[in-house]
């Protein structure tokens, strides 16, 4: 099956995945998951459908994400760009099936957040092999933006994760051949204490050393226009 057999644009209307946050309290009770296309960095644009909804300080926030998820080749390495970060889990499993990822490698996770919570239904994840249909359903209907890394570690997809979320961690050096997982909220206002140019320089180095790249634009935590502008500077 192709990527478009899975990501063809659909609504999540039940209290599952990212739609479970403050579900009963929200007026809006559905979120959109965009379709995916093979393109380039210029195809990464803001959409007009709500992809994340949450109550914050008593106020309902409904934010739009990307018009489409996008994947492309960059210097011989696959790049997958999406809005909500849990989708990285599916693309990692896709990469494994397509022999684009070697199981048991290193994951470099560049993010304002660790995303290391355990899913509520962790027990539903198979201990060994998982097919793409299972991965897709688990990604969209079990996982959310803060709990998708531990399942990948449980499957042995990665043996180690290095979290880059501070000035000191950005100074770490890694041997080439890792998977890079980038959240654009590392450029949010909350992270302005780390100089933007320095972050771009270090991320470009991580991009050069990676063999597989997933990128979340994280619309709830990051203005999408700013995320896309910086993405186009990185690639």
C-alpha atoms as a PDB file:
ATOM      1  CA  UNK A   1       0.000   0.000   0.000  1.00  0.00           C
ATOM      2  CA  UNK A   2       1.133   3.549  -0.703  1.00  0.00           C
ATOM      3  CA  UNK A   3       1.259   6.434   1.753  1.00  0.00           C
ATOM      4  CA  UNK A   4      -1.834   7.971   0.140  1.00  0.00           C
ATOM      5  CA  UNK A   5      -3.799   4.806   0.916  1.00  0.00           C
ATOM      6  CA  UNK A   6      -3.422   5.807   4.556  1.00  0.00           C
ATOM      7  CA  UNK A   7      -3.168   9.603   4.563  1.00  0.00           C
ATOM      8  CA  UNK A   8      -5.898  10.720   2.177  1.00  0.00           C
ATOM      9  CA  UNK A   9      -7.536  13.417   4.320  1.00  0.00           C
ATOM     10  CA  UNK A  10     -10.032  12.494   7.037  1.00  0.00           C
ATOM     11  CA  UNK A  11     -11.717  13.759  10.194  1.00  0.00           C
ATOM     12  CA  UNK A  12     -11.356  12.317  13.684  1.00  0.00           C
ATOM     13  CA  UNK A  13     -14.666  12.791  15.473  1.00  0.00           C
ATOM     14  CA  UNK A  14     -14.359  10.441  18.445  1.00  0.00           C
ATOM     15  CA  UNK A  15     -12.600  11.018  21.777  1.00  0.00           C
ATOM     16  CA  UNK A  16      -9.366   9.386  20.639  1.00  0.00           C
ATOM     17  CA  UNK A  17      -5.779  10.409  19.896  1.00  0.00           C
ATOM     18  CA  UNK A  18      -5.249  14.144  19.661  1.00  0.00           C
ATOM     19  CA  UNK A  19      -9.021  14.688  19.694  1.00  0.00           C
ATOM     20  CA  UNK A  20      -9.284  13.468  23.301  1.00  0.00           C
ATOM     21  CA  UNK A  21      -7.891  16.660  24.858  1.00  0.00           C
ATOM     22  CA  UNK A  22     -10.711  18.435  26.764  1.00  0.00           C
ATOM     23  CA  UNK A  23     -13.149  16.628  24.447  1.00  0.00           C
ATOM     24  CA  UNK A  24     -16.289  17.029  26.576  1.00  0.00           C
ATOM     25  CA  UNK A  25     -15.604  20.704  27.294  1.00  0.00           C
ATOM     26  CA  UNK A  26     -14.993  21.776  23.693  1.00  0.00           C
ATOM     27  CA  UNK A  27     -17.585  23.121  21.279  1.00  0.00           C
ATOM     28  CA  UNK A  28     -15.479  21.867  18.384  1.00  0.00           C
ATOM     29  CA  UNK A  29     -15.219  18.088  18.672  1.00  0.00           C
ATOM     30  CA  UNK A  30     -13.476  17.100  15.476  1.00  0.00           C
ATOM     31  CA  UNK A  31      -9.977  17.522  14.063  1.00  0.00           C
ATOM     32  CA  UNK A  32      -8.618  16.990  10.570  1.00  0.00           C
ATOM     33  CA  UNK A  33      -5.733  14.828   9.427  1.00  0.00           C
ATOM     34  CA  UNK A  34      -4.466  16.049   6.018  1.00  0.00           C
ATOM     35  CA  UNK A  35      -3.600  13.982   2.984  1.00  0.00           C
ATOM     36  CA  UNK A  36       0.028  13.417   2.017  1.00  0.00           C
ATOM     37  CA  UNK A  37       1.778  14.283  -1.215  1.00  0.00           C
ATOM     38  CA  UNK A  38       5.167  13.758  -2.766  1.00  0.00           C
ATOM     39  CA  UNK A  39       6.603  17.195  -3.398  1.00  0.00           C
ATOM     40  CA  UNK A  40       9.176  19.642  -2.111  1.00  0.00           C
ATOM     41  CA  UNK A  41       9.637  22.117   0.711  1.00  0.00           C
ATOM     42  CA  UNK A  42       7.622  24.707  -1.266  1.00  0.00           C
ATOM     43  CA  UNK A  43       4.551  22.442  -0.986  1.00  0.00           C
ATOM     44  CA  UNK A  44       4.523  22.861   2.799  1.00  0.00           C
ATOM     45  CA  UNK A  45       1.787  25.465   3.290  1.00  0.00           C
ATOM     46  CA  UNK A  46      -0.796  26.344   5.935  1.00  0.00           C
ATOM     47  CA  UNK A  47      -4.208  24.713   5.620  1.00  0.00           C
ATOM     48  CA  UNK A  48      -7.662  25.947   6.610  1.00  0.00           C
ATOM     49  CA  UNK A  49      -8.926  23.027   8.702  1.00  0.00           C
ATOM     50  CA  UNK A  50      -8.660  22.608  12.483  1.00  0.00           C
ATOM     51  CA  UNK A  51      -6.104  19.915  13.358  1.00  0.00           C
ATOM     52  CA  UNK A  52      -5.818  20.496  17.106  1.00  0.00           C
ATOM     53  CA  UNK A  53      -8.338  21.716  19.664  1.00  0.00           C
ATOM     54  CA  UNK A  54      -7.820  22.282  23.375  1.00  0.00           C
ATOM     55  CA  UNK A  55      -9.083  24.322  26.327  1.00  0.00           C
ATOM     56  CA  UNK A  56      -6.374  26.621  27.673  1.00  0.00           C
ATOM     57  CA  UNK A  57      -7.029  28.937  30.620  1.00  0.00           C
ATOM     58  CA  UNK A  58     -10.741  28.421  30.092  1.00  0.00           C
ATOM     59  CA  UNK A  59     -10.580  29.439  26.429  1.00  0.00           C
ATOM     60  CA  UNK A  60     -11.044  27.012  23.544  1.00  0.00           C
ATOM     61  CA  UNK A  61      -8.227  27.165  21.012  1.00  0.00           C
ATOM     62  CA  UNK A  62      -8.816  25.656  17.584  1.00  0.00           C
ATOM     63  CA  UNK A  63      -5.726  25.785  15.377  1.00  0.00           C
ATOM     64  CA  UNK A  64      -5.200  24.979  11.726  1.00  0.00           C
ATOM     65  CA  UNK A  65      -2.250  22.887  10.568  1.00  0.00           C
ATOM     66  CA  UNK A  66      -0.833  22.058   7.156  1.00  0.00           C
ATOM     67  CA  UNK A  67      -2.807  21.854   3.932  1.00  0.00           C
ATOM     68  CA  UNK A  68      -0.978  18.588   3.201  1.00  0.00           C
ATOM     69  CA  UNK A  69       1.678  16.413   4.711  1.00  0.00           C
ATOM     70  CA  UNK A  70       4.693  16.397   2.392  1.00  0.00           C
ATOM     71  CA  UNK A  71       7.533  13.976   1.749  1.00  0.00           C
ATOM     72  CA  UNK A  72      10.565  14.384  -0.482  1.00  0.00           C
ATOM     73  CA  UNK A  73      14.154  13.327  -0.986  1.00  0.00           C
ATOM     74  CA  UNK A  74      16.857  15.654   0.312  1.00  0.00           C
ATOM     75  CA  UNK A  75      20.380  14.686  -0.659  1.00  0.00           C
ATOM     76  CA  UNK A  76      19.471  11.014  -0.769  1.00  0.00           C
ATOM     77  CA  UNK A  77      17.589  10.958   2.530  1.00  0.00           C
ATOM     78  CA  UNK A  78      13.784  10.821   2.978  1.00  0.00           C
ATOM     79  CA  UNK A  79      12.075  13.753   4.694  1.00  0.00           C
ATOM     80  CA  UNK A  80       8.505  13.634   6.047  1.00  0.00           C
ATOM     81  CA  UNK A  81       6.791  16.845   7.165  1.00  0.00           C
ATOM     82  CA  UNK A  82       3.469  16.864   9.029  1.00  0.00           C
ATOM     83  CA  UNK A  83       1.686  18.976  11.647  1.00  0.00           C
ATOM     84  CA  UNK A  84       0.913  16.993  14.843  1.00  0.00           C
ATOM     85  CA  UNK A  85       3.977  15.171  16.090  1.00  0.00           C
ATOM     86  CA  UNK A  86       2.485  11.724  16.771  1.00  0.00           C
ATOM     87  CA  UNK A  87       2.491  11.030  13.021  1.00  0.00           C
ATOM     88  CA  UNK A  88       6.235  10.488  13.283  1.00  0.00           C
ATOM     89  CA  UNK A  89       5.459   7.030  14.686  1.00  0.00           C
ATOM     90  CA  UNK A  90       3.750   5.913  11.479  1.00  0.00           C
ATOM     91  CA  UNK A  91       6.500   7.264   9.242  1.00  0.00           C
ATOM     92  CA  UNK A  92       9.170   5.523  11.326  1.00  0.00           C
ATOM     93  CA  UNK A  93       7.371   2.207  10.820  1.00  0.00           C
ATOM     94  CA  UNK A  94       6.983   3.016   7.124  1.00  0.00           C
ATOM     95  CA  UNK A  95      10.708   3.731   6.962  1.00  0.00           C
ATOM     96  CA  UNK A  96      11.433   0.384   8.593  1.00  0.00           C
ATOM     97  CA  UNK A  97       9.192  -1.494   6.145  1.00  0.00           C
ATOM     98  CA  UNK A  98      10.838   0.263   3.195  1.00  0.00           C
ATOM     99  CA  UNK A  99      14.344  -0.465   4.565  1.00  0.00           C
ATOM    100  CA  UNK A 100      14.971   3.257   4.984  1.00  0.00           C
ATOM    101  CA  UNK A 101      15.580   2.831   8.723  1.00  0.00           C
ATOM    102  CA  UNK A 102      17.825   0.242  10.344  1.00  0.00           C
ATOM    103  CA  UNK A 103      16.159  -1.108  13.464  1.00  0.00           C
ATOM    104  CA  UNK A 104      17.897  -0.384  16.765  1.00  0.00           C
ATOM    105  CA  UNK A 105      19.573   2.871  15.760  1.00  0.00           C
ATOM    106  CA  UNK A 106      19.792   6.280  17.410  1.00  0.00           C
ATOM    107  CA  UNK A 107      16.965   8.839  17.416  1.00  0.00           C
ATOM    108  CA  UNK A 108      17.853  12.533  17.748  1.00  0.00           C
ATOM    109  CA  UNK A 109      14.739  14.310  19.047  1.00  0.00           C
ATOM    110  CA  UNK A 110      14.965  18.125  18.710  1.00  0.00           C
ATOM    111  CA  UNK A 111      11.958  19.572  20.496  1.00  0.00           C
ATOM    112  CA  UNK A 112      10.737  22.016  23.117  1.00  0.00           C
ATOM    113  CA  UNK A 113       9.100  18.992  24.798  1.00  0.00           C
ATOM    114  CA  UNK A 114      10.429  15.502  25.510  1.00  0.00           C
ATOM    115  CA  UNK A 115       7.264  13.725  24.229  1.00  0.00           C
ATOM    116  CA  UNK A 116       8.198  10.817  26.489  1.00  0.00           C
ATOM    117  CA  UNK A 117       4.839  10.121  28.123  1.00  0.00           C
ATOM    118  CA  UNK A 118       3.518   6.556  27.932  1.00  0.00           C
ATOM    119  CA  UNK A 119       0.267   6.061  25.993  1.00  0.00           C
ATOM    120  CA  UNK A 120      -2.749   5.154  28.099  1.00  0.00           C
ATOM    121  CA  UNK A 121      -3.232   1.951  26.095  1.00  0.00           C
ATOM    122  CA  UNK A 122       0.438   1.030  25.895  1.00  0.00           C
ATOM    123  CA  UNK A 123      -0.530  -2.647  26.214  1.00  0.00           C
ATOM    124  CA  UNK A 124      -2.251  -2.563  22.809  1.00  0.00           C
ATOM    125  CA  UNK A 125       1.070  -2.163  21.043  1.00  0.00           C
ATOM    126  CA  UNK A 126       2.413  -5.517  19.770  1.00  0.00           C
ATOM    127  CA  UNK A 127       5.688  -6.563  21.340  1.00  0.00           C
ATOM    128  CA  UNK A 128       7.344  -7.479  18.067  1.00  0.00           C
ATOM    129  CA  UNK A 129       6.132  -6.996  14.491  1.00  0.00           C
ATOM    130  CA  UNK A 130       3.582  -4.329  13.606  1.00  0.00           C
ATOM    131  CA  UNK A 131       2.160  -3.815  10.113  1.00  0.00           C
ATOM    132  CA  UNK A 132       1.425  -0.449   8.517  1.00  0.00           C
ATOM    133  CA  UNK A 133      -2.348  -0.678   9.024  1.00  0.00           C
ATOM    134  CA  UNK A 134      -1.806  -1.302  12.736  1.00  0.00           C
ATOM    135  CA  UNK A 135       0.766   1.499  12.841  1.00  0.00           C
ATOM    136  CA  UNK A 136      -1.629   3.924  11.161  1.00  0.00           C
ATOM    137  CA  UNK A 137      -4.514   3.135  13.499  1.00  0.00           C
ATOM    138  CA  UNK A 138      -2.298   3.230  16.580  1.00  0.00           C
ATOM    139  CA  UNK A 139      -0.793   6.559  15.466  1.00  0.00           C
ATOM    140  CA  UNK A 140      -4.097   8.302  14.848  1.00  0.00           C
ATOM    141  CA  UNK A 141      -6.450   6.738  17.377  1.00  0.00           C
ATOM    142  CA  UNK A 142      -4.223   5.859  20.351  1.00  0.00           C
ATOM    143  CA  UNK A 143      -1.239   8.195  20.296  1.00  0.00           C
ATOM    144  CA  UNK A 144      -1.101  11.945  20.771  1.00  0.00           C
ATOM    145  CA  UNK A 145       1.522  14.665  20.423  1.00  0.00           C
ATOM    146  CA  UNK A 146       3.210  13.817  23.721  1.00  0.00           C
ATOM    147  CA  UNK A 147       3.480  10.033  23.873  1.00  0.00           C
ATOM    148  CA  UNK A 148       4.769   8.560  20.609  1.00  0.00           C
ATOM    149  CA  UNK A 149       8.458   7.930  21.413  1.00  0.00           C
ATOM    150  CA  UNK A 150       8.137   5.241  24.085  1.00  0.00           C
ATOM    151  CA  UNK A 151       6.154   2.955  21.745  1.00  0.00           C
ATOM    152  CA  UNK A 152       8.966   3.209  19.190  1.00  0.00           C
ATOM    153  CA  UNK A 153      11.488   2.275  21.876  1.00  0.00           C
ATOM    154  CA  UNK A 154       9.284  -0.614  23.028  1.00  0.00           C
ATOM    155  CA  UNK A 155       9.265  -1.987  19.477  1.00  0.00           C
ATOM    156  CA  UNK A 156      13.041  -1.703  19.316  1.00  0.00           C
ATOM    157  CA  UNK A 157      12.756   0.682  16.402  1.00  0.00           C
ATOM    158  CA  UNK A 158      15.342   2.802  18.195  1.00  0.00           C
ATOM    159  CA  UNK A 159      17.679   1.640  20.924  1.00  0.00           C
ATOM    160  CA  UNK A 160      18.412   5.123  22.231  1.00  0.00           C
ATOM    161  CA  UNK A 161      16.950   8.619  22.078  1.00  0.00           C
ATOM    162  CA  UNK A 162      18.906  11.843  22.562  1.00  0.00           C
ATOM    163  CA  UNK A 163      16.667  14.777  23.469  1.00  0.00           C
ATOM    164  CA  UNK A 164      17.868  18.165  22.231  1.00  0.00           C
ATOM    165  CA  UNK A 165      15.954  20.830  24.165  1.00  0.00           C
ATOM    166  CA  UNK A 166      18.573  23.151  25.655  1.00  0.00           C
ATOM    167  CA  UNK A 167      21.668  25.167  24.820  1.00  0.00           C
ATOM    168  CA  UNK A 168      23.924  22.473  26.289  1.00  0.00           C
ATOM    169  CA  UNK A 169      22.232  19.584  24.489  1.00  0.00           C
ATOM    170  CA  UNK A 170      22.466  21.451  21.170  1.00  0.00           C
ATOM    171  CA  UNK A 171      26.244  21.333  21.510  1.00  0.00           C
ATOM    172  CA  UNK A 172      26.333  17.518  21.411  1.00  0.00           C
ATOM    173  CA  UNK A 173      28.011  15.817  18.475  1.00  0.00           C
ATOM    174  CA  UNK A 174      26.805  12.554  16.914  1.00  0.00           C
ATOM    175  CA  UNK A 175      28.234  10.127  14.386  1.00  0.00           C
ATOM    176  CA  UNK A 176      26.313  10.122  11.075  1.00  0.00           C
ATOM    177  CA  UNK A 177      23.568   7.612  10.398  1.00  0.00           C
ATOM    178  CA  UNK A 178      20.892   8.496  12.970  1.00  0.00           C
ATOM    179  CA  UNK A 179      17.198   9.310  12.541  1.00  0.00           C
ATOM    180  CA  UNK A 180      16.397  12.981  13.101  1.00  0.00           C
ATOM    181  CA  UNK A 181      13.037  13.973  14.598  1.00  0.00           C
ATOM    182  CA  UNK A 182      12.550  17.749  14.581  1.00  0.00           C
ATOM    183  CA  UNK A 183       9.727  19.724  16.146  1.00  0.00           C
ATOM    184  CA  UNK A 184       9.545  23.278  14.872  1.00  0.00           C
ATOM    185  CA  UNK A 185       8.373  24.479  18.288  1.00  0.00           C
ATOM    186  CA  UNK A 186      12.069  24.536  19.188  1.00  0.00           C
ATOM    187  CA  UNK A 187      11.759  27.974  17.509  1.00  0.00           C
ATOM    188  CA  UNK A 188       8.750  29.076  19.578  1.00  0.00           C
ATOM    189  CA  UNK A 189       8.937  32.231  21.681  1.00  0.00           C
ATOM    190  CA  UNK A 190       9.419  30.103  24.799  1.00  0.00           C
ATOM    191  CA  UNK A 191      12.723  28.903  23.332  1.00  0.00           C
ATOM    192  CA  UNK A 192      14.081  32.336  22.386  1.00  0.00           C
ATOM    193  CA  UNK A 193      16.697  32.078  25.123  1.00  0.00           C
ATOM    194  CA  UNK A 194      18.634  29.925  22.619  1.00  0.00           C
ATOM    195  CA  UNK A 195      19.788  32.120  19.743  1.00  0.00           C
ATOM    196  CA  UNK A 196      17.884  31.346  16.522  1.00  0.00           C
ATOM    197  CA  UNK A 197      20.916  31.371  14.266  1.00  0.00           C
ATOM    198  CA  UNK A 198      22.715  28.904  16.527  1.00  0.00           C
ATOM    199  CA  UNK A 199      19.736  26.532  16.469  1.00  0.00           C
ATOM    200  CA  UNK A 200      19.538  26.705  12.672  1.00  0.00           C
ATOM    201  CA  UNK A 201      23.262  26.000  12.351  1.00  0.00           C
ATOM    202  CA  UNK A 202      23.078  22.969  14.645  1.00  0.00           C
ATOM    203  CA  UNK A 203      19.924  21.594  13.018  1.00  0.00           C
ATOM    204  CA  UNK A 204      21.472  21.896   9.567  1.00  0.00           C
ATOM    205  CA  UNK A 205      24.359  19.816  10.871  1.00  0.00           C
ATOM    206  CA  UNK A 206      21.922  17.218  12.224  1.00  0.00           C
ATOM    207  CA  UNK A 207      20.155  17.165   8.849  1.00  0.00           C
ATOM    208  CA  UNK A 208      23.477  16.497   7.132  1.00  0.00           C
ATOM    209  CA  UNK A 209      24.234  13.591   9.465  1.00  0.00           C
ATOM    210  CA  UNK A 210      20.785  11.982   9.437  1.00  0.00           C
ATOM    211  CA  UNK A 211      19.647   9.162   7.188  1.00  0.00           C
ATOM    212  CA  UNK A 212      15.912   9.599   7.899  1.00  0.00           C
ATOM    213  CA  UNK A 213      14.092  12.812   8.885  1.00  0.00           C
ATOM    214  CA  UNK A 214      10.677  13.491  10.396  1.00  0.00           C
ATOM    215  CA  UNK A 215       9.490  17.051  11.073  1.00  0.00           C
ATOM    216  CA  UNK A 216       6.442  18.299  12.972  1.00  0.00           C
ATOM    217  CA  UNK A 217       5.203  21.866  12.541  1.00  0.00           C
ATOM    218  CA  UNK A 218       3.207  21.599  15.831  1.00  0.00           C
ATOM    219  CA  UNK A 219       0.431  24.140  15.197  1.00  0.00           C
ATOM    220  CA  UNK A 220      -0.747  24.259  18.816  1.00  0.00           C
ATOM    221  CA  UNK A 221       2.699  25.336  20.023  1.00  0.00           C
ATOM    222  CA  UNK A 222       4.091  27.203  17.026  1.00  0.00           C
ATOM    223  CA  UNK A 223       2.698  29.757  14.522  1.00  0.00           C
ATOM    224  CA  UNK A 224       2.639  27.820  11.254  1.00  0.00           C
ATOM    225  CA  UNK A 225       3.773  30.707   9.094  1.00  0.00           C
ATOM    226  CA  UNK A 226       6.923  31.061  11.208  1.00  0.00           C
ATOM    227  CA  UNK A 227       7.521  27.305  11.232  1.00  0.00           C
ATOM    228  CA  UNK A 228       7.300  27.151   7.434  1.00  0.00           C
ATOM    229  CA  UNK A 229       9.545  30.184   6.964  1.00  0.00           C
ATOM    230  CA  UNK A 230      12.268  28.597   9.070  1.00  0.00           C
ATOM    231  CA  UNK A 231      11.818  25.218   7.383  1.00  0.00           C
ATOM    232  CA  UNK A 232      12.528  26.804   4.022  1.00  0.00           C
ATOM    233  CA  UNK A 233      15.707  28.279   5.465  1.00  0.00           C
ATOM    234  CA  UNK A 234      16.803  24.858   6.757  1.00  0.00           C
ATOM    235  CA  UNK A 235      16.268  23.116   3.411  1.00  0.00           C
END
